[in-house]
Amino acid sequence: FASDSCGASSVCDTDLIATGMLVAMTLPIG
C-alpha cells in the first residue's frame, strides 16, 4: 500500500517498494 499515492502526489520506485516488501517478508522468518 506504500504505492497508493504513486502518480497523484508522489514519484515511486516500485522495484524498491517490492524489495522492501520481500525483505520484510523473508528476513524475519529467516
Full PDB file with SEQRES, HELIX, SHEET, SSBOND, CRYST1, ORIGX, SCALE, CONECT and MASTER records, all heavy atoms in Angstrom:
SEQRES   1 A   30  PHE ALA SER ASP SER CYS GLY ALA SER SER VAL CYS ASP          
SEQRES   2 A   30  THR ASP LEU ILE ALA THR GLY MET LEU VAL ALA MET THR          
SEQRES   3 A   30  LEU PRO ILE GLY                                              
HELIX    1 AA1 THR A   14  THR A   26  1                                  13    
SSBOND   1 CYS A    6    CYS A   12                          1555   1555  1.86  
CRYST1    1.000    1.000    1.000  90.00  90.00  90.00 P 1           1          
ORIGX1      1.000000  0.000000  0.000000        0.00000                         
ORIGX2      0.000000  1.000000  0.000000        0.00000                         
ORIGX3      0.000000  0.000000  1.000000        0.00000                         
SCALE1      1.000000  0.000000  0.000000        0.00000                         
SCALE2      0.000000  1.000000  0.000000        0.00000                         
SCALE3      0.000000  0.000000  1.000000        0.00000                         
ATOM      1  N   PHE A   1       0.814  -1.214   0.000  1.00  0.00           N  
ATOM      2  CA  PHE A   1       0.000   0.000   0.000  1.00  0.00           C  
ATOM      3  C   PHE A   1       0.851   1.270   0.000  1.00  0.00           C  
ATOM      4  O   PHE A   1       0.301   2.363  -0.122  1.00  0.00           O  
ATOM      5  CB  PHE A   1      -0.957   0.011   1.184  1.00  0.00           C  
ATOM      6  CG  PHE A   1      -2.046  -1.012   1.089  1.00  0.00           C  
ATOM      7  CD1 PHE A   1      -2.256  -1.913   2.113  1.00  0.00           C  
ATOM      8  CD2 PHE A   1      -2.860  -1.082  -0.036  1.00  0.00           C  
ATOM      9  CE1 PHE A   1      -3.257  -2.859   2.026  1.00  0.00           C  
ATOM     10  CE2 PHE A   1      -3.864  -2.017  -0.129  1.00  0.00           C  
ATOM     11  CZ  PHE A   1      -4.070  -2.912   0.902  1.00  0.00           C  
ATOM     12  N   ALA A   2       2.147   1.126   0.153  1.00  0.00           N  
ATOM     13  CA  ALA A   2       3.017   2.296   0.066  1.00  0.00           C  
ATOM     14  C   ALA A   2       2.942   2.927  -1.319  1.00  0.00           C  
ATOM     15  O   ALA A   2       3.190   4.115  -1.487  1.00  0.00           O  
ATOM     16  CB  ALA A   2       4.458   1.918   0.388  1.00  0.00           C  
ATOM     17  N   SER A   3       2.550   2.151  -2.298  1.00  0.00           N  
ATOM     18  CA  SER A   3       2.483   2.666  -3.673  1.00  0.00           C  
ATOM     19  C   SER A   3       1.129   3.293  -3.998  1.00  0.00           C  
ATOM     20  O   SER A   3       0.899   3.666  -5.150  1.00  0.00           O  
ATOM     21  CB  SER A   3       2.774   1.535  -4.661  1.00  0.00           C  
ATOM     22  OG  SER A   3       1.758   0.552  -4.579  1.00  0.00           O  
ATOM     23  N   ASP A   4       0.232   3.438  -3.039  1.00  0.00           N  
ATOM     24  CA  ASP A   4      -1.090   4.008  -3.313  1.00  0.00           C  
ATOM     25  C   ASP A   4      -1.029   5.440  -3.809  1.00  0.00           C  
ATOM     26  O   ASP A   4      -1.851   5.847  -4.631  1.00  0.00           O  
ATOM     27  CB  ASP A   4      -1.977   3.933  -2.075  1.00  0.00           C  
ATOM     28  CG  ASP A   4      -2.568   2.570  -1.873  1.00  0.00           C  
ATOM     29  OD1 ASP A   4      -2.401   1.719  -2.768  1.00  0.00           O  
ATOM     30  OD2 ASP A   4      -3.169   2.342  -0.805  1.00  0.00           O  
ATOM     31  N   SER A   5      -0.110   6.225  -3.314  1.00  0.00           N  
ATOM     32  CA  SER A   5      -0.039   7.628  -3.725  1.00  0.00           C  
ATOM     33  C   SER A   5       0.811   7.844  -4.968  1.00  0.00           C  
ATOM     34  O   SER A   5       1.011   8.983  -5.382  1.00  0.00           O  
ATOM     35  CB  SER A   5       0.503   8.476  -2.574  1.00  0.00           C  
ATOM     36  OG  SER A   5       1.843   8.090  -2.303  1.00  0.00           O  
ATOM     37  N   CYS A   6       1.280   6.791  -5.572  1.00  0.00           N  
ATOM     38  CA  CYS A   6       2.144   6.914  -6.749  1.00  0.00           C  
ATOM     39  C   CYS A   6       1.364   7.533  -7.914  1.00  0.00           C  
ATOM     40  O   CYS A   6       0.237   7.142  -8.205  1.00  0.00           O  
ATOM     41  CB  CYS A   6       2.677   5.549  -7.176  1.00  0.00           C  
ATOM     42  SG  CYS A   6       3.787   4.828  -5.967  1.00  0.00           S  
ATOM     43  N   GLY A   7       1.961   8.502  -8.558  1.00  0.00           N  
ATOM     44  CA  GLY A   7       1.357   9.147  -9.712  1.00  0.00           C  
ATOM     45  C   GLY A   7       0.584  10.389  -9.342  1.00  0.00           C  
ATOM     46  O   GLY A   7       0.664  11.398 -10.023  1.00  0.00           O  
ATOM     47  N   ALA A   8      -0.186  10.366  -8.276  1.00  0.00           N  
ATOM     48  CA  ALA A   8      -1.004  11.521  -7.892  1.00  0.00           C  
ATOM     49  C   ALA A   8      -0.169  12.577  -7.173  1.00  0.00           C  
ATOM     50  O   ALA A   8      -0.133  13.731  -7.593  1.00  0.00           O  
ATOM     51  CB  ALA A   8      -2.149  11.070  -7.003  1.00  0.00           C  
ATOM     52  N   SER A   9       0.475  12.168  -6.106  1.00  0.00           N  
ATOM     53  CA  SER A   9       1.242  13.149  -5.332  1.00  0.00           C  
ATOM     54  C   SER A   9       2.659  12.689  -5.033  1.00  0.00           C  
ATOM     55  O   SER A   9       3.361  13.335  -4.274  1.00  0.00           O  
ATOM     56  CB  SER A   9       0.512  13.443  -4.015  1.00  0.00           C  
ATOM     57  OG  SER A   9       0.437  12.272  -3.234  1.00  0.00           O  
ATOM     58  N   SER A  10       3.064  11.592  -5.611  1.00  0.00           N  
ATOM     59  CA  SER A  10       4.388  11.042  -5.316  1.00  0.00           C  
ATOM     60  C   SER A  10       4.999  10.418  -6.557  1.00  0.00           C  
ATOM     61  O   SER A  10       4.295  10.003  -7.473  1.00  0.00           O  
ATOM     62  CB  SER A  10       4.297   9.970  -4.238  1.00  0.00           C  
ATOM     63  OG  SER A  10       3.712  10.457  -3.065  1.00  0.00           O  
ATOM     64  N   VAL A  11       6.309  10.371  -6.529  1.00  0.00           N  
ATOM     65  CA  VAL A  11       7.059   9.618  -7.535  1.00  0.00           C  
ATOM     66  C   VAL A  11       7.561   8.366  -6.828  1.00  0.00           C  
ATOM     67  O   VAL A  11       8.154   8.452  -5.757  1.00  0.00           O  
ATOM     68  CB  VAL A  11       8.241  10.447  -8.086  1.00  0.00           C  
ATOM     69  CG1 VAL A  11       9.055   9.633  -9.063  1.00  0.00           C  
ATOM     70  CG2 VAL A  11       7.746  11.738  -8.701  1.00  0.00           C  
ATOM     71  N   CYS A  12       7.290   7.210  -7.440  1.00  0.00           N  
ATOM     72  CA  CYS A  12       7.599   5.958  -6.748  1.00  0.00           C  
ATOM     73  C   CYS A  12       8.581   5.111  -7.538  1.00  0.00           C  
ATOM     74  O   CYS A  12       8.577   5.105  -8.759  1.00  0.00           O  
ATOM     75  CB  CYS A  12       6.322   5.149  -6.537  1.00  0.00           C  
ATOM     76  SG  CYS A  12       5.168   5.946  -5.429  1.00  0.00           S  
ATOM     77  N   ASP A  13       9.382   4.389  -6.794  1.00  0.00           N  
ATOM     78  CA  ASP A  13      10.258   3.367  -7.342  1.00  0.00           C  
ATOM     79  C   ASP A  13       9.655   2.028  -6.914  1.00  0.00           C  
ATOM     80  O   ASP A  13       9.853   1.571  -5.790  1.00  0.00           O  
ATOM     81  CB  ASP A  13      11.670   3.548  -6.792  1.00  0.00           C  
ATOM     82  CG  ASP A  13      12.658   2.550  -7.357  1.00  0.00           C  
ATOM     83  OD1 ASP A  13      12.246   1.684  -8.167  1.00  0.00           O  
ATOM     84  OD2 ASP A  13      13.848   2.630  -6.980  1.00  0.00           O  
ATOM     85  N   THR A  14       8.875   1.431  -7.812  1.00  0.00           N  
ATOM     86  CA  THR A  14       8.159   0.201  -7.449  1.00  0.00           C  
ATOM     87  C   THR A  14       9.102  -0.963  -7.174  1.00  0.00           C  
ATOM     88  O   THR A  14       8.766  -1.850  -6.387  1.00  0.00           O  
ATOM     89  CB  THR A  14       7.161  -0.182  -8.553  1.00  0.00           C  
ATOM     90  OG1 THR A  14       7.847  -0.280  -9.791  1.00  0.00           O  
ATOM     91  CG2 THR A  14       6.046   0.853  -8.645  1.00  0.00           C  
ATOM     92  N   ASP A  15      10.264  -0.953  -7.794  1.00  0.00           N  
ATOM     93  CA  ASP A  15      11.237  -2.012  -7.504  1.00  0.00           C  
ATOM     94  C   ASP A  15      11.738  -1.926  -6.067  1.00  0.00           C  
ATOM     95  O   ASP A  15      11.919  -2.947  -5.400  1.00  0.00           O  
ATOM     96  CB  ASP A  15      12.417  -1.944  -8.468  1.00  0.00           C  
ATOM     97  CG  ASP A  15      12.058  -2.358  -9.878  1.00  0.00           C  
ATOM     98  OD1 ASP A  15      11.066  -3.108 -10.034  1.00  0.00           O  
ATOM     99  OD2 ASP A  15      12.753  -1.930 -10.822  1.00  0.00           O  
ATOM    100  N   LEU A  16      11.952  -0.702  -5.595  1.00  0.00           N  
ATOM    101  CA  LEU A  16      12.410  -0.519  -4.214  1.00  0.00           C  
ATOM    102  C   LEU A  16      11.303  -0.893  -3.224  1.00  0.00           C  
ATOM    103  O   LEU A  16      11.581  -1.515  -2.181  1.00  0.00           O  
ATOM    104  CB  LEU A  16      12.858   0.926  -3.990  1.00  0.00           C  
ATOM    105  CG  LEU A  16      13.679   1.207  -2.742  1.00  0.00           C  
ATOM    106  CD1 LEU A  16      14.928   0.342  -2.707  1.00  0.00           C  
ATOM    107  CD2 LEU A  16      14.050   2.675  -2.684  1.00  0.00           C  
ATOM    108  N   ILE A  17      10.064  -0.576  -3.562  1.00  0.00           N  
ATOM    109  CA  ILE A  17       8.948  -0.966  -2.704  1.00  0.00           C  
ATOM    110  C   ILE A  17       8.834  -2.488  -2.652  1.00  0.00           C  
ATOM    111  O   ILE A  17       8.643  -3.081  -1.582  1.00  0.00           O  
ATOM    112  CB  ILE A  17       7.634  -0.328  -3.202  1.00  0.00           C  
ATOM    113  CG1 ILE A  17       7.696   1.195  -3.047  1.00  0.00           C  
ATOM    114  CG2 ILE A  17       6.437  -0.886  -2.436  1.00  0.00           C  
ATOM    115  CD1 ILE A  17       6.535   1.930  -3.691  1.00  0.00           C  
ATOM    116  N   ALA A  18       8.972  -3.136  -3.800  1.00  0.00           N  
ATOM    117  CA  ALA A  18       8.899  -4.604  -3.848  1.00  0.00           C  
ATOM    118  C   ALA A  18      10.064  -5.239  -3.090  1.00  0.00           C  
ATOM    119  O   ALA A  18       9.889  -6.258  -2.407  1.00  0.00           O  
ATOM    120  CB  ALA A  18       8.889  -5.077  -5.298  1.00  0.00           C  
ATOM    121  N   THR A  19      11.238  -4.637  -3.183  1.00  0.00           N  
ATOM    122  CA  THR A  19      12.388  -5.152  -2.441  1.00  0.00           C  
ATOM    123  C   THR A  19      12.150  -5.041  -0.939  1.00  0.00           C  
ATOM    124  O   THR A  19      12.441  -5.984  -0.184  1.00  0.00           O  
ATOM    125  CB  THR A  19      13.668  -4.397  -2.839  1.00  0.00           C  
ATOM    126  OG1 THR A  19      13.879  -4.550  -4.232  1.00  0.00           O  
ATOM    127  CG2 THR A  19      14.866  -4.905  -2.069  1.00  0.00           C  
ATOM    128  N   GLY A  20      11.629  -3.909  -0.506  1.00  0.00           N  
ATOM    129  CA  GLY A  20      11.320  -3.732   0.913  1.00  0.00           C  
ATOM    130  C   GLY A  20      10.279  -4.726   1.393  1.00  0.00           C  
ATOM    131  O   GLY A  20      10.379  -5.265   2.493  1.00  0.00           O  
ATOM    132  N   MET A  21       9.283  -4.973   0.544  1.00  0.00           N  
ATOM    133  CA  MET A  21       8.266  -5.961   0.887  1.00  0.00           C  
ATOM    134  C   MET A  21       8.878  -7.348   1.029  1.00  0.00           C  
ATOM    135  O   MET A  21       8.569  -8.100   1.964  1.00  0.00           O  
ATOM    136  CB  MET A  21       7.207  -5.975  -0.213  1.00  0.00           C  
ATOM    137  CG  MET A  21       5.806  -5.907   0.262  1.00  0.00           C  
ATOM    138  SD  MET A  21       4.703  -5.906  -1.134  1.00  0.00           S  
ATOM    139  CE  MET A  21       4.111  -7.556  -1.037  1.00  0.00           C  
ATOM    140  N   LEU A  22       9.748  -7.689   0.097  1.00  0.00           N  
ATOM    141  CA  LEU A  22      10.390  -9.004   0.129  1.00  0.00           C  
ATOM    142  C   LEU A  22      11.293  -9.154   1.351  1.00  0.00           C  
ATOM    143  O   LEU A  22      11.322 -10.209   1.993  1.00  0.00           O  
ATOM    144  CB  LEU A  22      11.179  -9.225  -1.161  1.00  0.00           C  
ATOM    145  CG  LEU A  22      11.765 -10.606  -1.381  1.00  0.00           C  
ATOM    146  CD1 LEU A  22      10.637 -11.630  -1.482  1.00  0.00           C  
ATOM    147  CD2 LEU A  22      12.612 -10.636  -2.626  1.00  0.00           C  
ATOM    148  N   VAL A  23      12.019  -8.092   1.685  1.00  0.00           N  
ATOM    149  CA  VAL A  23      12.879  -8.132   2.875  1.00  0.00           C  
ATOM    150  C   VAL A  23      12.030  -8.296   4.130  1.00  0.00           C  
ATOM    151  O   VAL A  23      12.337  -9.114   5.006  1.00  0.00           O  
ATOM    152  CB  VAL A  23      13.757  -6.860   2.952  1.00  0.00           C  
ATOM    153  CG1 VAL A  23      14.408  -6.714   4.320  1.00  0.00           C  
ATOM    154  CG2 VAL A  23      14.820  -6.879   1.873  1.00  0.00           C  
ATOM    155  N   ALA A  24      10.932  -7.536   4.220  1.00  0.00           N  
ATOM    156  CA  ALA A  24      10.060  -7.614   5.396  1.00  0.00           C  
ATOM    157  C   ALA A  24       9.335  -8.952   5.476  1.00  0.00           C  
ATOM    158  O   ALA A  24       8.893  -9.363   6.545  1.00  0.00           O  
ATOM    159  CB  ALA A  24       9.045  -6.474   5.373  1.00  0.00           C  
ATOM    160  N   MET A  25       9.209  -9.634   4.344  1.00  0.00           N  
ATOM    161  CA  MET A  25       8.510 -10.912   4.309  1.00  0.00           C  
ATOM    162  C   MET A  25       9.429 -12.077   4.686  1.00  0.00           C  
ATOM    163  O   MET A  25       9.039 -12.982   5.419  1.00  0.00           O  
ATOM    164  CB  MET A  25       7.962 -11.136   2.895  1.00  0.00           C  
ATOM    165  CG  MET A  25       6.994 -12.252   2.745  1.00  0.00           C  
ATOM    166  SD  MET A  25       6.436 -12.398   1.035  1.00  0.00           S  
ATOM    167  CE  MET A  25       5.626 -10.838   0.785  1.00  0.00           C  
ATOM    168  N   THR A  26      10.652 -12.051   4.200  1.00  0.00           N  
ATOM    169  CA  THR A  26      11.526 -13.214   4.348  1.00  0.00           C  
ATOM    170  C   THR A  26      12.532 -13.105   5.494  1.00  0.00           C  
ATOM    171  O   THR A  26      12.826 -14.114   6.141  1.00  0.00           O  
ATOM    172  CB  THR A  26      12.303 -13.465   3.047  1.00  0.00           C  
ATOM    173  OG1 THR A  26      13.066 -12.307   2.718  1.00  0.00           O  
ATOM    174  CG2 THR A  26      11.355 -13.801   1.912  1.00  0.00           C  
ATOM    175  N   LEU A  27      13.068 -11.933   5.728  1.00  0.00           N  
ATOM    176  CA  LEU A  27      14.131 -11.804   6.731  1.00  0.00           C  
ATOM    177  C   LEU A  27      13.663 -12.136   8.148  1.00  0.00           C  
ATOM    178  O   LEU A  27      14.376 -12.854   8.870  1.00  0.00           O  
ATOM    179  CB  LEU A  27      14.757 -10.407   6.654  1.00  0.00           C  
ATOM    180  CG  LEU A  27      16.113 -10.227   7.305  1.00  0.00           C  
ATOM    181  CD1 LEU A  27      17.129 -11.209   6.742  1.00  0.00           C  
ATOM    182  CD2 LEU A  27      16.602  -8.803   7.115  1.00  0.00           C  
ATOM    183  N   PRO A  28      12.484 -11.675   8.600  1.00  0.00           N  
ATOM    184  CA  PRO A  28      12.058 -12.078   9.950  1.00  0.00           C  
ATOM    185  C   PRO A  28      11.849 -13.589  10.086  1.00  0.00           C  
ATOM    186  O   PRO A  28      12.180 -14.163  11.133  1.00  0.00           O  
ATOM    187  CB  PRO A  28      10.731 -11.337  10.150  1.00  0.00           C  
ATOM    188  CG  PRO A  28      10.817 -10.171   9.251  1.00  0.00           C  
ATOM    189  CD  PRO A  28      11.594 -10.635   8.052  1.00  0.00           C  
ATOM    190  N   ILE A  29      11.345 -14.231   9.040  1.00  0.00           N  
ATOM    191  CA  ILE A  29      11.158 -15.678   9.106  1.00  0.00           C  
ATOM    192  C   ILE A  29      12.523 -16.378   9.181  1.00  0.00           C  
ATOM    193  O   ILE A  29      12.705 -17.323   9.957  1.00  0.00           O  
ATOM    194  CB  ILE A  29      10.356 -16.180   7.887  1.00  0.00           C  
ATOM    195  CG1 ILE A  29       8.973 -15.531   7.842  1.00  0.00           C  
ATOM    196  CG2 ILE A  29      10.254 -17.696   7.875  1.00  0.00           C  
ATOM    197  CD1 ILE A  29       8.089 -15.841   9.011  1.00  0.00           C  
ATOM    198  N   GLY A  30      13.481 -15.912   8.399  1.00  0.00           N  
ATOM    199  CA  GLY A  30      14.825 -16.491   8.444  1.00  0.00           C  
ATOM    200  C   GLY A  30      15.478 -16.327   9.801  1.00  0.00           C  
ATOM    201  O   GLY A  30      16.097 -17.263  10.327  1.00  0.00           O  
TER     202      GLY A  30                                                      
CONECT   42   76                                                                
CONECT   76   42                                                                
MASTER        0    0    0    1    0    0    0    6  201    1    2    3          
END                                                                             
